[in-house]
PDB file of N, CA and C in Angstrom:
ATOM      1  N   ALA A   1     -37.210  67.898  12.426  1.00  0.00           N
ATOM      2  CA  ALA A   1     -36.534  69.176  12.446  1.00  0.00           C
ATOM      3  C   ALA A   1     -37.583  70.280  12.436  1.00  0.00           C
ATOM      4  N   ASN A   2     -37.249  71.347  13.107  1.00  0.00           N
ATOM      5  CA  ASN A   2     -38.136  72.496  13.194  1.00  0.00           C
ATOM      6  C   ASN A   2     -37.524  73.622  12.367  1.00  0.00           C
ATOM      7  N   PHE A   3     -38.127  73.964  11.249  1.00  0.00           N
ATOM      8  CA  PHE A   3     -37.566  74.967  10.360  1.00  0.00           C
ATOM      9  C   PHE A   3     -38.339  76.272  10.495  1.00  0.00           C
ATOM     10  N   ALA A   4     -37.587  77.364  10.649  1.00  0.00           N
ATOM     11  CA  ALA A   4     -38.208  78.688  10.620  1.00  0.00           C
ATOM     12  C   ALA A   4     -38.613  78.967   9.173  1.00  0.00           C
ATOM     13  N   GLN A   5     -39.549  79.844   8.992  1.00  0.00           N
ATOM     14  CA  GLN A   5     -40.094  80.094   7.659  1.00  0.00           C
ATOM     15  C   GLN A   5     -39.028  80.511   6.643  1.00  0.00           C
ATOM     16  N   ASP A   6     -38.089  81.365   7.032  1.00  0.00           N
ATOM     17  CA  ASP A   6     -37.076  81.850   6.093  1.00  0.00           C
ATOM     18  C   ASP A   6     -35.678  81.360   6.430  1.00  0.00           C
ATOM     19  N   SER A   7     -35.542  80.246   7.127  1.00  0.00           N
ATOM     20  CA  SER A   7     -34.197  79.793   7.512  1.00  0.00           C
ATOM     21  C   SER A   7     -33.518  79.081   6.344  1.00  0.00           C
ATOM     22  N   PHE A   8     -32.209  79.278   6.235  1.00  0.00           N
ATOM     23  CA  PHE A   8     -31.415  78.635   5.194  1.00  0.00           C
ATOM     24  C   PHE A   8     -30.950  77.284   5.730  1.00  0.00           C
ATOM     25  N   GLU A   9     -31.338  76.223   5.052  1.00  0.00           N
ATOM     26  CA  GLU A   9     -30.933  74.878   5.470  1.00  0.00           C
ATOM     27  C   GLU A   9     -29.887  74.282   4.542  1.00  0.00           C
ATOM     28  N   GLY A  10     -29.698  74.886   3.403  1.00  0.00           N
ATOM     29  CA  GLY A  10     -28.724  74.397   2.449  1.00  0.00           C
ATOM     30  C   GLY A  10     -29.213  74.628   1.034  1.00  0.00           C
ATOM     31  N   GLU A  11     -28.332  74.354   0.094  1.00  0.00           N
ATOM     32  CA  GLU A  11     -28.693  74.473  -1.311  1.00  0.00           C
ATOM     33  C   GLU A  11     -28.290  73.185  -2.014  1.00  0.00           C
ATOM     34  N   VAL A  12     -28.900  72.959  -3.145  1.00  0.00           N
ATOM     35  CA  VAL A  12     -28.621  71.742  -3.898  1.00  0.00           C
ATOM     36  C   VAL A  12     -28.132  72.105  -5.292  1.00  0.00           C
ATOM     37  N   VAL A  13     -27.442  71.173  -5.888  1.00  0.00           N
ATOM     38  CA  VAL A  13     -27.010  71.306  -7.271  1.00  0.00           C
ATOM     39  C   VAL A  13     -27.845  70.310  -8.080  1.00  0.00           C
ATOM     40  N   VAL A  14     -28.564  70.824  -9.062  1.00  0.00           N
ATOM     41  CA  VAL A  14     -29.413  69.976  -9.893  1.00  0.00           C
ATOM     42  C   VAL A  14     -28.670  69.680 -11.192  1.00  0.00           C
ATOM     43  N   PRO A  15     -28.322  68.415 -11.425  1.00  0.00           N
ATOM     44  CA  PRO A  15     -27.593  68.044 -12.646  1.00  0.00           C
ATOM     45  C   PRO A  15     -28.528  67.968 -13.845  1.00  0.00           C
ATOM     46  N   LEU A  16     -28.615  69.049 -14.613  1.00  0.00           N
ATOM     47  CA  LEU A  16     -29.544  69.108 -15.743  1.00  0.00           C
ATOM     48  C   LEU A  16     -29.247  68.069 -16.823  1.00  0.00           C
ATOM     49  N   ARG A  17     -27.992  67.704 -16.970  1.00  0.00           N
ATOM     50  CA  ARG A  17     -27.631  66.711 -17.987  1.00  0.00           C
ATOM     51  C   ARG A  17     -28.377  65.392 -17.730  1.00  0.00           C
ATOM     52  N   GLU A  18     -28.526  65.040 -16.450  1.00  0.00           N
ATOM     53  CA  GLU A  18     -29.226  63.800 -16.105  1.00  0.00           C
ATOM     54  C   GLU A  18     -30.735  63.912 -16.348  1.00  0.00           C
ATOM     55  N   LEU A  19     -31.238  65.126 -16.476  1.00  0.00           N
ATOM     56  CA  LEU A  19     -32.663  65.345 -16.704  1.00  0.00           C
ATOM     57  C   LEU A  19     -32.986  65.600 -18.175  1.00  0.00           C
ATOM     58  N   SER A  20     -31.979  65.549 -19.038  1.00  0.00           N
ATOM     59  CA  SER A  20     -32.176  65.928 -20.442  1.00  0.00           C
ATOM     60  C   SER A  20     -33.081  64.974 -21.208  1.00  0.00           C
ATOM     61  N   ASP A  21     -33.349  63.783 -20.660  1.00  0.00           N
ATOM     62  CA  ASP A  21     -34.255  62.852 -21.346  1.00  0.00           C
ATOM     63  C   ASP A  21     -35.726  63.220 -21.164  1.00  0.00           C
ATOM     64  N   GLN A  22     -36.006  64.232 -20.348  1.00  0.00           N
ATOM     65  CA  GLN A  22     -37.336  64.788 -20.103  1.00  0.00           C
ATOM     66  C   GLN A  22     -38.259  63.847 -19.335  1.00  0.00           C
ATOM     67  N   ASN A  23     -37.721  62.758 -18.797  1.00  0.00           N
ATOM     68  CA  ASN A  23     -38.507  61.854 -17.963  1.00  0.00           C
ATOM     69  C   ASN A  23     -38.516  62.359 -16.524  1.00  0.00           C
ATOM     70  N   ILE A  24     -39.411  61.799 -15.718  1.00  0.00           N
ATOM     71  CA  ILE A  24     -39.454  62.126 -14.294  1.00  0.00           C
ATOM     72  C   ILE A  24     -38.402  61.277 -13.588  1.00  0.00           C
ATOM     73  N   HIS A  25     -37.602  61.927 -12.753  1.00  0.00           N
ATOM     74  CA  HIS A  25     -36.540  61.245 -12.016  1.00  0.00           C
ATOM     75  C   HIS A  25     -36.785  61.390 -10.518  1.00  0.00           C
ATOM     76  N   ASP A  26     -36.715  60.285  -9.800  1.00  0.00           N
ATOM     77  CA  ASP A  26     -36.804  60.280  -8.346  1.00  0.00           C
ATOM     78  C   ASP A  26     -35.366  60.402  -7.842  1.00  0.00           C
ATOM     79  N   VAL A  27     -35.040  61.516  -7.193  1.00  0.00           N
ATOM     80  CA  VAL A  27     -33.639  61.799  -6.857  1.00  0.00           C
ATOM     81  C   VAL A  27     -33.452  62.164  -5.384  1.00  0.00           C
ATOM     82  N   TRP A  28     -32.270  61.898  -4.910  1.00  0.00           N
ATOM     83  CA  TRP A  28     -31.794  62.379  -3.609  1.00  0.00           C
ATOM     84  C   TRP A  28     -30.633  63.324  -3.915  1.00  0.00           C
ATOM     85  N   LEU A  29     -30.739  64.574  -3.467  1.00  0.00           N
ATOM     86  CA  LEU A  29     -29.701  65.573  -3.720  1.00  0.00           C
ATOM     87  C   LEU A  29     -29.080  65.993  -2.397  1.00  0.00           C
ATOM     88  N   ASP A  30     -27.755  66.041  -2.374  1.00  0.00           N
ATOM     89  CA  ASP A  30     -27.041  66.467  -1.164  1.00  0.00           C
ATOM     90  C   ASP A  30     -27.240  67.955  -0.933  1.00  0.00           C
ATOM     91  N   LEU A  31     -27.431  68.324   0.318  1.00  0.00           N
ATOM     92  CA  LEU A  31     -27.503  69.738   0.691  1.00  0.00           C
ATOM     93  C   LEU A  31     -26.093  70.274   0.884  1.00  0.00           C
ATOM     94  N   PHE A  32     -25.852  71.490   0.412  1.00  0.00           N
ATOM     95  CA  PHE A  32     -24.551  72.137   0.576  1.00  0.00           C
ATOM     96  C   PHE A  32     -24.732  73.426   1.372  1.00  0.00           C
ATOM     97  N   GLU A  33     -23.743  73.711   2.207  1.00  0.00           N
ATOM     98  CA  GLU A  33     -23.757  74.962   2.971  1.00  0.00           C
ATOM     99  C   GLU A  33     -23.404  76.119   2.049  1.00  0.00           C
ATOM    100  N   LYS A  34     -23.556  77.354   2.537  1.00  0.00           N
ATOM    101  CA  LYS A  34     -23.272  78.540   1.721  1.00  0.00           C
ATOM    102  C   LYS A  34     -21.834  78.570   1.231  1.00  0.00           C
ATOM    103  N   GLN A  35     -20.904  78.018   2.008  1.00  0.00           N
ATOM    104  CA  GLN A  35     -19.496  78.024   1.620  1.00  0.00           C
ATOM    105  C   GLN A  35     -19.159  76.920   0.615  1.00  0.00           C
ATOM    106  N   GLY A  36     -20.147  76.120   0.245  1.00  0.00           N
ATOM    107  CA  GLY A  36     -19.915  75.069  -0.736  1.00  0.00           C
ATOM    108  C   GLY A  36     -19.581  73.721  -0.134  1.00  0.00           C
ATOM    109  N   TYR A  37     -19.489  73.646   1.198  1.00  0.00           N
ATOM    110  CA  TYR A  37     -19.206  72.377   1.851  1.00  0.00           C
ATOM    111  C   TYR A  37     -20.472  71.539   1.917  1.00  0.00           C
ATOM    112  N   ARG A  38     -20.270  70.232   1.854  1.00  0.00           N
ATOM    113  CA  ARG A  38     -21.424  69.336   1.936  1.00  0.00           C
ATOM    114  C   ARG A  38     -22.069  69.476   3.302  1.00  0.00           C
ATOM    115  N   GLY A  39     -23.350  69.704   3.294  1.00  0.00           N
ATOM    116  CA  GLY A  39     -24.090  69.896   4.535  1.00  0.00           C
ATOM    117  C   GLY A  39     -24.503  68.586   5.166  1.00  0.00           C
ATOM    118  N   LYS A  40     -25.366  68.716   6.138  1.00  0.00           N
ATOM    119  CA  LYS A  40     -25.836  67.543   6.867  1.00  0.00           C
ATOM    120  C   LYS A  40     -27.257  67.209   6.442  1.00  0.00           C
ATOM    121  N   GLY A  41     -27.377  66.683   5.283  1.00  0.00           N
ATOM    122  CA  GLY A  41     -28.706  66.297   4.859  1.00  0.00           C
ATOM    123  C   GLY A  41     -28.821  66.143   3.366  1.00  0.00           C
ATOM    124  N   GLN A  42     -29.993  65.699   2.996  1.00  0.00           N
ATOM    125  CA  GLN A  42     -30.316  65.508   1.592  1.00  0.00           C
ATOM    126  C   GLN A  42     -31.736  65.984   1.348  1.00  0.00           C
ATOM    127  N   LEU A  43     -32.012  66.252   0.095  1.00  0.00           N
ATOM    128  CA  LEU A  43     -33.336  66.641  -0.336  1.00  0.00           C
ATOM    129  C   LEU A  43     -33.835  65.555  -1.284  1.00  0.00           C
ATOM    130  N   HIS A  44     -35.025  65.035  -0.990  1.00  0.00           N
ATOM    131  CA  HIS A  44     -35.611  64.008  -1.842  1.00  0.00           C
ATOM    132  C   HIS A  44     -36.741  64.626  -2.643  1.00  0.00           C
ATOM    133  N   GLY A  45     -36.773  64.331  -3.921  1.00  0.00           N
ATOM    134  CA  GLY A  45     -37.850  64.867  -4.741  1.00  0.00           C
ATOM    135  C   GLY A  45     -37.903  64.205  -6.099  1.00  0.00           C
ATOM    136  N   LYS A  46     -38.915  64.579  -6.843  1.00  0.00           N
ATOM    137  CA  LYS A  46     -39.063  64.115  -8.217  1.00  0.00           C
ATOM    138  C   LYS A  46     -38.859  65.323  -9.116  1.00  0.00           C
ATOM    139  N   LEU A  47     -37.961  65.184 -10.072  1.00  0.00           N
ATOM    140  CA  LEU A  47     -37.619  66.286 -10.961  1.00  0.00           C
ATOM    141  C   LEU A  47     -37.874  65.900 -12.408  1.00  0.00           C
ATOM    142  N   GLN A  48     -38.293  66.889 -13.172  1.00  0.00           N
ATOM    143  CA  GLN A  48     -38.463  66.713 -14.606  1.00  0.00           C
ATOM    144  C   GLN A  48     -38.140  68.041 -15.271  1.00  0.00           C
ATOM    145  N   TRP A  49     -37.336  67.971 -16.307  1.00  0.00           N
ATOM    146  CA  TRP A  49     -36.977  69.167 -17.055  1.00  0.00           C
ATOM    147  C   TRP A  49     -37.492  68.990 -18.484  1.00  0.00           C
ATOM    148  N   ILE A  50     -38.495  69.763 -18.840  1.00  0.00           N
ATOM    149  CA  ILE A  50     -39.032  69.727 -20.200  1.00  0.00           C
ATOM    150  C   ILE A  50     -38.435  70.910 -20.948  1.00  0.00           C
ATOM    151  N   HIS A  51     -37.436  70.618 -21.749  1.00  0.00           N
ATOM    152  CA  HIS A  51     -36.738  71.677 -22.480  1.00  0.00           C
ATOM    153  C   HIS A  51     -37.215  71.799 -23.916  1.00  0.00           C
ATOM    154  N   SER A  52     -37.988  70.811 -24.384  1.00  0.00           N
ATOM    155  CA  SER A  52     -38.567  70.875 -25.726  1.00  0.00           C
ATOM    156  C   SER A  52     -39.965  70.268 -25.662  1.00  0.00           C
ATOM    157  N   LYS A  53     -40.968  71.115 -25.686  1.00  0.00           N
ATOM    158  CA  LYS A  53     -42.344  70.615 -25.604  1.00  0.00           C
ATOM    159  C   LYS A  53     -42.664  69.690 -26.775  1.00  0.00           C
ATOM    160  N   ALA A  54     -42.185  70.024 -27.950  1.00  0.00           N
ATOM    161  CA  ALA A  54     -42.467  69.196 -29.131  1.00  0.00           C
ATOM    162  C   ALA A  54     -41.890  67.796 -28.955  1.00  0.00           C
ATOM    163  N   LYS A  55     -40.638  67.696 -28.525  1.00  0.00           N
ATOM    164  CA  LYS A  55     -40.018  66.380 -28.311  1.00  0.00           C
ATOM    165  C   LYS A  55     -40.702  65.635 -27.172  1.00  0.00           C
ATOM    166  N   TYR A  56     -41.062  66.373 -26.122  1.00  0.00           N
ATOM    167  CA  TYR A  56     -41.723  65.746 -24.981  1.00  0.00           C
ATOM    168  C   TYR A  56     -43.073  65.158 -25.395  1.00  0.00           C
ATOM    169  N   PHE A  57     -43.883  65.935 -26.096  1.00  0.00           N
ATOM    170  CA  PHE A  57     -45.187  65.437 -26.520  1.00  0.00           C
ATOM    171  C   PHE A  57     -45.047  64.281 -27.510  1.00  0.00           C
ATOM    172  N   ALA A  58     -44.039  64.319 -28.369  1.00  0.00           N
ATOM    173  CA  ALA A  58     -43.800  63.198 -29.285  1.00  0.00           C
ATOM    174  C   ALA A  58     -43.439  61.942 -28.497  1.00  0.00           C
ATOM    175  N   MET A  59     -42.631  62.090 -27.458  1.00  0.00           N
ATOM    176  CA  MET A  59     -42.239  60.966 -26.616  1.00  0.00           C
ATOM    177  C   MET A  59     -43.456  60.389 -25.881  1.00  0.00           C
ATOM    178  N   VAL A  60     -44.294  61.271 -25.339  1.00  0.00           N
ATOM    179  CA  VAL A  60     -45.494  60.826 -24.631  1.00  0.00           C
ATOM    180  C   VAL A  60     -46.438  60.112 -25.604  1.00  0.00           C
ATOM    181  N   ALA A  61     -46.621  60.671 -26.788  1.00  0.00           N
ATOM    182  CA  ALA A  61     -47.495  60.048 -27.787  1.00  0.00           C
ATOM    183  C   ALA A  61     -46.971  58.671 -28.182  1.00  0.00           C
ATOM    184  N   GLN A  62     -45.664  58.544 -28.350  1.00  0.00           N
ATOM    185  CA  GLN A  62     -45.060  57.257 -28.711  1.00  0.00           C
ATOM    186  C   GLN A  62     -45.324  56.222 -27.615  1.00  0.00           C
ATOM    187  N   LYS A  63     -45.180  56.623 -26.358  1.00  0.00           N
ATOM    188  CA  LYS A  63     -45.454  55.697 -25.252  1.00  0.00           C
ATOM    189  C   LYS A  63     -46.914  55.271 -25.240  1.00  0.00           C
ATOM    190  N   TRP A  64     -47.828  56.207 -25.520  1.00  0.00           N
ATOM    191  CA  TRP A  64     -49.254  55.880 -25.576  1.00  0.00           C
ATOM    192  C   TRP A  64     -49.540  54.896 -26.705  1.00  0.00           C
ATOM    193  N   PHE A  65     -48.943  55.122 -27.874  1.00  0.00           N
ATOM    194  CA  PHE A  65     -49.154  54.210 -28.993  1.00  0.00           C
ATOM    195  C   PHE A  65     -48.609  52.821 -28.686  1.00  0.00           C
ATOM    196  N   GLU A  66     -47.442  52.751 -28.023  1.00  0.00           N
ATOM    197  CA  GLU A  66     -46.878  51.458 -27.648  1.00  0.00           C
ATOM    198  C   GLU A  66     -47.783  50.736 -26.656  1.00  0.00           C
ATOM    199  N   ASN A  67     -48.310  51.473 -25.676  1.00  0.00           N
ATOM    200  CA  ASN A  67     -49.216  50.865 -24.697  1.00  0.00           C
ATOM    201  C   ASN A  67     -50.513  50.419 -25.363  1.00  0.00           C
ATOM    202  N   LEU A  68     -51.022  51.225 -26.279  1.00  0.00           N
ATOM    203  CA  LEU A  68     -52.241  50.871 -26.998  1.00  0.00           C
ATOM    204  C   LEU A  68     -52.032  49.599 -27.818  1.00  0.00           C
ATOM    205  N   LYS A  69     -50.905  49.487 -28.501  1.00  0.00           N
ATOM    206  CA  LYS A  69     -50.591  48.293 -29.289  1.00  0.00           C
ATOM    207  C   LYS A  69     -50.524  47.068 -28.383  1.00  0.00           C
ATOM    208  N   LYS A  70     -49.903  47.215 -27.238  1.00  0.00           N
ATOM    209  CA  LYS A  70     -49.791  46.111 -26.281  1.00  0.00           C
ATOM    210  C   LYS A  70     -51.187  45.677 -25.816  1.00  0.00           C
ATOM    211  N   GLU A  71     -52.040  46.639 -25.510  1.00  0.00           N
ATOM    212  CA  GLU A  71     -53.402  46.326 -25.066  1.00  0.00           C
ATOM    213  C   GLU A  71     -54.194  45.642 -26.183  1.00  0.00           C
ATOM    214  N   GLU A  72     -54.034  46.106 -27.423  1.00  0.00           N
ATOM    215  CA  GLU A  72     -54.717  45.476 -28.554  1.00  0.00           C
ATOM    216  C   GLU A  72     -54.260  44.035 -28.742  1.00  0.00           C
ATOM    217  N   ASP A  73     -52.955  43.791 -28.604  1.00  0.00           N
ATOM    218  CA  ASP A  73     -52.419  42.434 -28.726  1.00  0.00           C
ATOM    219  C   ASP A  73     -52.987  41.532 -27.629  1.00  0.00           C
ATOM    220  N   GLU A  74     -53.070  42.041 -26.403  1.00  0.00           N
ATOM    221  CA  GLU A  74     -53.635  41.260 -25.299  1.00  0.00           C
ATOM    222  C   GLU A  74     -55.111  40.962 -25.547  1.00  0.00           C
ATOM    223  N   LEU A  75     -55.845  41.941 -26.072  1.00  0.00           N
ATOM    224  CA  LEU A  75     -57.259  41.741 -26.371  1.00  0.00           C
ATOM    225  C   LEU A  75     -57.433  40.639 -27.409  1.00  0.00           C
ATOM    226  N   GLN A  76     -56.630  40.647 -28.453  1.00  0.00           N
ATOM    227  CA  GLN A  76     -56.714  39.602 -29.475  1.00  0.00           C
ATOM    228  C   GLN A  76     -56.405  38.229 -28.879  1.00  0.00           C
ATOM    229  N   GLU A  77     -55.440  38.180 -27.976  1.00  0.00           N
ATOM    230  CA  GLU A  77     -55.101  36.911 -27.332  1.00  0.00           C
ATOM    231  C   GLU A  77     -56.271  36.411 -26.481  1.00  0.00           C
ATOM    232  N   TYR A  78     -56.919  37.296 -25.737  1.00  0.00           N
ATOM    233  CA  TYR A  78     -58.093  36.911 -24.948  1.00  0.00           C
ATOM    234  C   TYR A  78     -59.230  36.437 -25.839  1.00  0.00           C
ATOM    235  N   GLU A  79     -59.410  37.113 -26.968  1.00  0.00           N
ATOM    236  CA  GLU A  79     -60.456  36.695 -27.905  1.00  0.00           C
ATOM    237  C   GLU A  79     -60.184  35.297 -28.445  1.00  0.00           C
ATOM    238  N   ARG A  80     -58.923  34.966 -28.720  1.00  0.00           N
ATOM    239  CA  ARG A  80     -58.572  33.611 -29.177  1.00  0.00           C
ATOM    240  C   ARG A  80     -58.901  32.584 -28.092  1.00  0.00           C
ATOM    241  N   TYR A  81     -58.583  32.906 -26.837  1.00  0.00           N
ATOM    242  CA  TYR A  81     -58.890  31.986 -25.731  1.00  0.00           C
ATOM    243  C   TYR A  81     -60.398  31.788 -25.585  1.00  0.00           C
ATOM    244  N   ILE A  82     -61.162  32.864 -25.717  1.00  0.00           N
ATOM    245  CA  ILE A  82     -62.618  32.758 -25.604  1.00  0.00           C
ATOM    246  C   ILE A  82     -63.170  31.896 -26.736  1.00  0.00           C
ATOM    247  N   ASN A  83     -62.671  32.075 -27.929  1.00  0.00           N
ATOM    248  CA  ASN A  83     -63.113  31.248 -29.057  1.00  0.00           C
ATOM    249  C   ASN A  83     -62.788  29.781 -28.828  1.00  0.00           C
ATOM    250  N   MET A  84     -61.629  29.500 -28.240  1.00  0.00           N
ATOM    251  CA  MET A  84     -61.269  28.119 -27.929  1.00  0.00           C
ATOM    252  C   MET A  84     -62.224  27.538 -26.886  1.00  0.00           C
ATOM    253  N   LEU A  85     -62.658  28.344 -25.924  1.00  0.00           N
ATOM    254  CA  LEU A  85     -63.600  27.864 -24.913  1.00  0.00           C
ATOM    255  C   LEU A  85     -64.963  27.571 -25.524  1.00  0.00           C
ATOM    256  N   HIS A  86     -65.378  28.361 -26.496  1.00  0.00           N
ATOM    257  CA  HIS A  86     -66.657  28.144 -27.152  1.00  0.00           C
ATOM    258  C   HIS A  86     -66.627  26.914 -28.058  1.00  0.00           C
ATOM    259  N   ASP A  87     -65.488  26.638 -28.605  1.00  0.00           N
ATOM    260  CA  ASP A  87     -65.366  25.517 -29.538  1.00  0.00           C
ATOM    261  C   ASP A  87     -64.038  24.804 -29.281  1.00  0.00           C
ATOM    262  N   PRO A  88     -63.947  24.001 -28.199  1.00  0.00           N
ATOM    263  CA  PRO A  88     -62.658  23.413 -27.819  1.00  0.00           C
ATOM    264  C   PRO A  88     -62.170  22.319 -28.772  1.00  0.00           C
ATOM    265  N   PHE A  89     -63.064  21.672 -29.509  1.00  0.00           N
ATOM    266  CA  PHE A  89     -62.668  20.570 -30.398  1.00  0.00           C
ATOM    267  C   PHE A  89     -63.211  20.801 -31.807  1.00  0.00           C
ATOM    268  N   PRO A  90     -62.603  21.737 -32.546  1.00  0.00           N
ATOM    269  CA  PRO A  90     -63.154  22.059 -33.870  1.00  0.00           C
ATOM    270  C   PRO A  90     -63.098  20.882 -34.842  1.00  0.00           C
ATOM    271  N   GLY A  91     -62.163  19.984 -34.687  1.00  0.00           N
ATOM    272  CA  GLY A  91     -62.049  18.829 -35.585  1.00  0.00           C
ATOM    273  C   GLY A  91     -63.206  17.862 -35.436  1.00  0.00           C
ATOM    274  N   LEU A  92     -63.787  17.771 -34.251  1.00  0.00           N
ATOM    275  CA  LEU A  92     -64.911  16.858 -34.041  1.00  0.00           C
ATOM    276  C   LEU A  92     -66.133  17.290 -34.817  1.00  0.00           C
ATOM    277  N   LYS A  93     -66.366  18.564 -34.915  1.00  0.00           N
ATOM    278  CA  LYS A  93     -67.504  19.067 -35.704  1.00  0.00           C
ATOM    279  C   LYS A  93     -67.361  18.646 -37.158  1.00  0.00           C
ATOM    280  N   MET A  94     -66.171  18.796 -37.677  1.00  0.00           N
ATOM    281  CA  MET A  94     -65.939  18.457 -39.083  1.00  0.00           C
ATOM    282  C   MET A  94     -66.162  16.975 -39.317  1.00  0.00           C
ATOM    283  N   MET A  95     -65.706  16.149 -38.379  1.00  0.00           N
ATOM    284  CA  MET A  95     -65.881  14.695 -38.539  1.00  0.00           C
ATOM    285  C   MET A  95     -67.368  14.361 -38.487  1.00  0.00           C
ATOM    286  N   GLY A  96     -68.142  15.025 -37.633  1.00  0.00           N
ATOM    287  CA  GLY A  96     -69.569  14.756 -37.516  1.00  0.00           C
ATOM    288  C   GLY A  96     -70.336  15.156 -38.750  1.00  0.00           C
ATOM    289  N   THR A  97     -69.928  16.190 -39.424  1.00  0.00           N
ATOM    290  CA  THR A  97     -70.639  16.630 -40.626  1.00  0.00           C
ATOM    291  C   THR A  97     -70.327  15.760 -41.821  1.00  0.00           C
ATOM    292  N   GLU A  98     -69.163  15.113 -41.843  1.00  0.00           N
ATOM    293  CA  GLU A  98     -68.783  14.267 -42.972  1.00  0.00           C
ATOM    294  C   GLU A  98     -69.605  12.998 -43.018  1.00  0.00           C
ATOM    295  N   THR A  99     -70.015  12.501 -41.852  1.00  0.00           N
ATOM    296  CA  THR A  99     -70.758  11.240 -41.839  1.00  0.00           C
ATOM    297  C   THR A  99     -72.202  11.420 -42.193  1.00  0.00           C
ATOM    298  N   GLN A 100     -72.721  12.609 -42.196  1.00  0.00           N
ATOM    299  CA  GLN A 100     -74.147  12.812 -42.484  1.00  0.00           C
ATOM    300  C   GLN A 100     -74.405  12.917 -43.943  1.00  0.00           C
TER     301      GLN A 100
END
């Protein structure tokens, strides 16, 4: 489509209630003509409504802490695997020391 710089192609209605969780939403919005009739097209975009910075930052911090905890748990699991590779048969060492 070839759009003139100031041409009216339609308007959209943004449902703020759906954005109240303050997350980013990937949305398709119907275009409406000036008379309110549904137009011939849609607008695709990503929308986010931050209505409370304090709540938003608390939510972001909580997600970071959850991700950090997950990464720490994975690191501990990898460390256990590495220790098993270094010493795959710990019982054999104990048996060898008892006979000496």
